Amino acid sequence: MQPSGGANTETLVQSIVLLFIAIDPIGNAPLFYSLTARLDARLRVRIVKQSCIVATSILFVFALTGNTALSYFGLTLADFRIAGGIVLLIYGIAGILGWTEAEMIRHPEEVESIAIVPLATPLLAGPAAIATVLYVRAVHGLTYALASVTVNTAITFLMLYHSQKLMNLLGKNGAIALSKIMAMLLAAIAVAMIRTGIQDILATT
């Protein structure tokens, strides 16, 4: 079903809110900080910028192509959930043990690796966000899908950009404690993603 014509503010707001919940920038801000805590402010800002750009590009692709990209490779959202869950689980366990990929970054040219995985995907442009974009495209049309992606990635950038202010309020010990808690939460989210993906596959067999 496509929009019936004219700007529908209510539909636009609904689309934006749906994707906002899926991307969850509020919940992802501490995760982003915990993965980049050992980096200086300049590199952290660069990571945030690149992550948002990559996440926006991924969601735009799915908004523009709909289910074509998935069906072309014979993939389902369940596949994305399981793969994304495995990636997040690895990072969650590493964080619990006191190691993050961010600690290994010493040169600016290496920033792209962590900015893309796991920050841009699957944390931002993950299965939930992709599914939401596909839903908005199918129900409300391409315009609303693109608009919701644009607005939400802009909001996400601002929240991640200012995430250090919250961490500064916590202090060093508080930031370390929160980092461990977020690593555990990240691992739990990963397990939930894997479980949901397996359940989706079993439900269709």
Protein backbone atom coordinates (compact mmCIF):
# COMPACT_ATOMS: atom_id res chain seq x y z
CA MET A 1 0.00 0.00 0.00
CA GLN A 2 1.46 3.31 -1.08
CA PRO A 3 0.75 6.76 0.42
CA SER A 4 -2.51 8.19 -0.91
CA GLY A 5 -0.94 11.54 -1.74
CA GLY A 6 0.29 14.57 0.16
CA ALA A 7 2.46 14.60 3.23
CA ASN A 8 0.94 12.47 5.97
CA THR A 9 2.51 13.73 9.17
CA GLU A 10 1.04 10.99 11.34
CA THR A 11 2.36 8.25 9.06
CA LEU A 12 5.77 9.89 8.95
CA VAL A 13 5.95 10.14 12.74
CA GLN A 14 4.88 6.50 13.10
CA SER A 15 7.56 5.42 10.64
CA ILE A 16 10.24 7.41 12.46
CA VAL A 17 9.23 6.10 15.88
CA LEU A 18 9.18 2.49 14.67
CA LEU A 19 12.71 2.74 13.29
CA PHE A 20 13.91 4.67 16.35
CA ILE A 21 12.86 1.77 18.55
CA ALA A 22 14.56 -0.71 16.22
CA ILE A 23 17.86 1.20 16.05
CA ASP A 24 17.70 2.03 19.79
CA PRO A 25 20.31 4.84 19.89
CA ILE A 26 19.68 5.34 23.62
CA GLY A 27 20.66 1.77 24.38
CA ASN A 28 23.48 1.73 21.83
CA ALA A 29 25.20 4.89 23.08
CA PRO A 30 26.80 3.18 26.13
CA LEU A 31 27.73 0.18 23.96
CA PHE A 32 29.45 2.47 21.47
CA TYR A 33 31.34 4.20 24.23
CA SER A 34 32.43 0.96 25.87
CA LEU A 35 33.87 -0.26 22.56
CA THR A 36 35.76 3.00 21.97
CA ALA A 37 36.60 4.08 25.52
CA ARG A 38 40.37 3.71 25.02
CA LEU A 39 40.44 5.95 21.96
CA ASP A 40 40.98 9.69 21.98
CA ALA A 41 38.07 12.02 21.28
CA ARG A 42 39.07 12.69 17.66
CA LEU A 43 39.11 9.01 16.71
CA ARG A 44 35.87 8.38 18.61
CA VAL A 45 34.10 11.13 16.64
CA ARG A 46 35.47 9.71 13.39
CA ILE A 47 34.14 6.27 14.30
CA VAL A 48 30.71 7.69 15.08
CA LYS A 49 30.60 9.52 11.74
CA GLN A 50 31.68 6.52 9.70
CA SER A 51 29.36 4.17 11.58
CA CYS A 52 26.34 6.38 10.93
CA ILE A 53 27.26 6.81 7.26
CA VAL A 54 27.64 3.05 6.74
CA ALA A 55 24.46 2.28 8.69
CA THR A 56 22.54 4.85 6.66
CA SER A 57 23.86 3.37 3.41
CA ILE A 58 22.87 -0.16 4.43
CA LEU A 59 19.34 0.88 5.40
CA PHE A 60 18.99 2.96 2.22
CA VAL A 61 19.91 -0.09 0.14
CA PHE A 62 17.22 -2.18 1.79
CA ALA A 63 14.71 0.65 1.50
CA LEU A 64 15.42 0.97 -2.21
CA THR A 65 15.62 -2.70 -3.08
CA GLY A 66 13.02 -4.11 -0.69
CA ASN A 67 13.22 -7.89 -0.46
CA THR A 68 15.13 -8.19 -3.74
CA ALA A 69 18.57 -8.16 -2.12
CA LEU A 70 17.60 -10.86 0.36
CA SER A 71 15.93 -13.11 -2.17
CA TYR A 72 18.79 -12.73 -4.67
CA PHE A 73 21.23 -14.32 -2.23
CA GLY A 74 18.63 -16.68 -0.82
CA LEU A 75 18.81 -15.02 2.60
CA THR A 76 16.18 -14.36 5.23
CA LEU A 77 16.03 -11.98 8.19
CA ALA A 78 16.52 -15.04 10.39
CA ASP A 79 19.92 -15.54 8.74
CA PHE A 80 20.79 -11.94 9.55
CA ARG A 81 19.70 -12.39 13.14
CA ILE A 82 21.86 -15.46 13.67
CA ALA A 83 24.93 -14.02 11.92
CA GLY A 84 24.59 -10.68 13.70
CA GLY A 85 24.07 -12.44 17.00
CA ILE A 86 27.27 -14.45 16.61
CA VAL A 87 29.26 -11.29 15.86
CA LEU A 88 27.82 -9.46 18.86
CA LEU A 89 28.40 -12.45 21.13
CA ILE A 90 32.10 -12.45 20.24
CA TYR A 91 32.39 -8.76 21.09
CA GLY A 92 30.34 -9.18 24.26
CA ILE A 93 32.58 -11.96 25.57
CA ALA A 94 35.69 -9.99 24.63
CA GLY A 95 34.37 -6.97 26.54
CA ILE A 96 33.62 -9.06 29.63
CA LEU A 97 37.18 -10.38 29.56
CA GLY A 98 38.53 -6.83 29.34
CA TRP A 99 39.45 -6.66 25.66
CA THR A 100 37.83 -4.70 22.85
CA GLU A 101 38.91 -4.23 19.27
CA ALA A 102 39.08 -0.51 19.98
CA GLU A 103 42.10 -1.12 22.21
CA MET A 104 43.99 -2.53 19.22
CA ILE A 105 43.48 0.55 17.07
CA ARG A 106 46.60 2.67 16.99
CA HIS A 107 46.35 4.40 13.61
CA PRO A 108 43.54 6.44 12.05
CA GLU A 109 43.46 4.25 8.94
CA GLU A 110 42.43 1.29 11.11
CA VAL A 111 39.28 2.99 12.38
CA GLU A 112 37.14 1.69 9.52
CA SER A 113 37.25 -1.87 10.86
CA ILE A 114 35.45 -1.19 14.12
CA ALA A 115 33.29 1.56 12.62
CA ILE A 116 31.75 -0.93 10.21
CA VAL A 117 31.63 -4.10 12.33
CA PRO A 118 30.15 -4.27 14.92
CA LEU A 119 29.16 -0.61 15.23
CA ALA A 120 27.44 0.20 11.94
CA THR A 121 26.21 -3.36 11.63
CA PRO A 122 24.76 -5.25 13.39
CA LEU A 123 24.35 -2.70 16.24
CA LEU A 124 22.74 0.09 14.20
CA ALA A 125 21.74 -1.43 10.87
CA GLY A 126 20.87 -4.80 12.35
CA PRO A 127 18.06 -7.27 11.64
CA ALA A 128 15.48 -5.28 13.59
CA ALA A 129 16.28 -2.04 11.74
CA ILE A 130 16.36 -3.80 8.36
CA ALA A 131 13.04 -5.51 9.05
CA THR A 132 11.50 -2.19 10.09
CA VAL A 133 12.70 -0.43 6.94
CA LEU A 134 11.31 -3.24 4.78
CA TYR A 135 8.00 -2.98 6.64
CA VAL A 136 7.74 0.81 6.25
CA ARG A 137 8.62 0.51 2.55
CA ALA A 138 5.97 -2.17 1.99
CA VAL A 139 3.19 -0.50 3.98
CA HIS A 140 3.78 3.25 3.57
CA GLY A 141 6.06 3.59 0.55
CA LEU A 142 9.63 4.47 -0.35
CA THR A 143 9.40 8.15 0.66
CA TYR A 144 8.51 7.34 4.25
CA ALA A 145 11.16 4.62 4.45
CA LEU A 146 13.92 6.96 3.27
CA ALA A 147 12.71 9.79 5.49
CA SER A 148 12.60 7.61 8.58
CA VAL A 149 16.14 6.35 7.91
CA THR A 150 17.46 9.89 7.40
CA VAL A 151 15.85 11.32 10.54
CA ASN A 152 16.84 8.40 12.75
CA THR A 153 20.46 8.21 11.68
CA ALA A 154 20.75 11.97 12.29
CA ILE A 155 19.32 11.51 15.80
CA THR A 156 21.60 8.54 16.38
CA PHE A 157 24.66 10.51 15.33
CA LEU A 158 23.86 13.29 17.81
CA MET A 159 23.29 10.85 20.67
CA LEU A 160 26.46 8.88 20.00
CA TYR A 161 28.47 12.06 19.46
CA HIS A 162 27.54 13.28 22.94
CA SER A 163 27.74 9.89 24.68
CA GLN A 164 31.06 10.78 26.32
CA LYS A 165 29.37 13.54 28.35
CA LEU A 166 27.32 10.92 30.16
CA MET A 167 30.38 8.78 30.71
CA ASN A 168 32.30 11.75 32.12
CA LEU A 169 29.62 12.17 34.76
CA LEU A 170 30.15 8.57 35.87
CA GLY A 171 33.88 8.94 36.42
CA LYS A 172 36.60 6.39 35.64
CA ASN A 173 35.35 3.62 37.95
CA GLY A 174 31.76 4.18 36.95
CA ALA A 175 32.68 4.04 33.28
CA ILE A 176 34.59 0.78 33.79
CA ALA A 177 31.65 -0.75 35.67
CA LEU A 178 29.20 0.38 33.01
CA SER A 179 31.48 -1.00 30.30
CA LYS A 180 31.38 -4.46 31.92
CA ILE A 181 27.61 -4.28 32.35
CA MET A 182 27.18 -3.24 28.72
CA ALA A 183 29.42 -6.09 27.58
CA MET A 184 27.22 -8.54 29.48
CA LEU A 185 24.12 -6.90 28.02
CA LEU A 186 25.65 -7.10 24.55
CA ALA A 187 26.24 -10.83 25.00
CA ALA A 188 22.66 -11.28 26.21
CA ILE A 189 21.29 -9.35 23.22
CA ALA A 190 23.41 -11.55 20.96
CA VAL A 191 22.01 -14.73 22.49
CA ALA A 192 18.47 -13.36 22.07
CA MET A 193 19.16 -12.58 18.40
CA ILE A 194 20.50 -16.08 17.77
CA ARG A 195 17.55 -17.66 19.60
CA THR A 196 15.01 -15.60 17.66
CA GLY A 197 16.71 -16.43 14.38
CA ILE A 198 16.63 -20.15 15.14
CA GLN A 199 12.98 -19.94 16.19
CA ASP A 200 12.10 -18.14 12.95
CA ILE A 201 13.81 -20.84 10.90
CA LEU A 202 12.12 -23.65 12.82
CA ALA A 203 8.74 -21.93 12.43
CA THR A 204 9.08 -21.92 8.64
CA THR A 205 10.19 -25.55 8.31
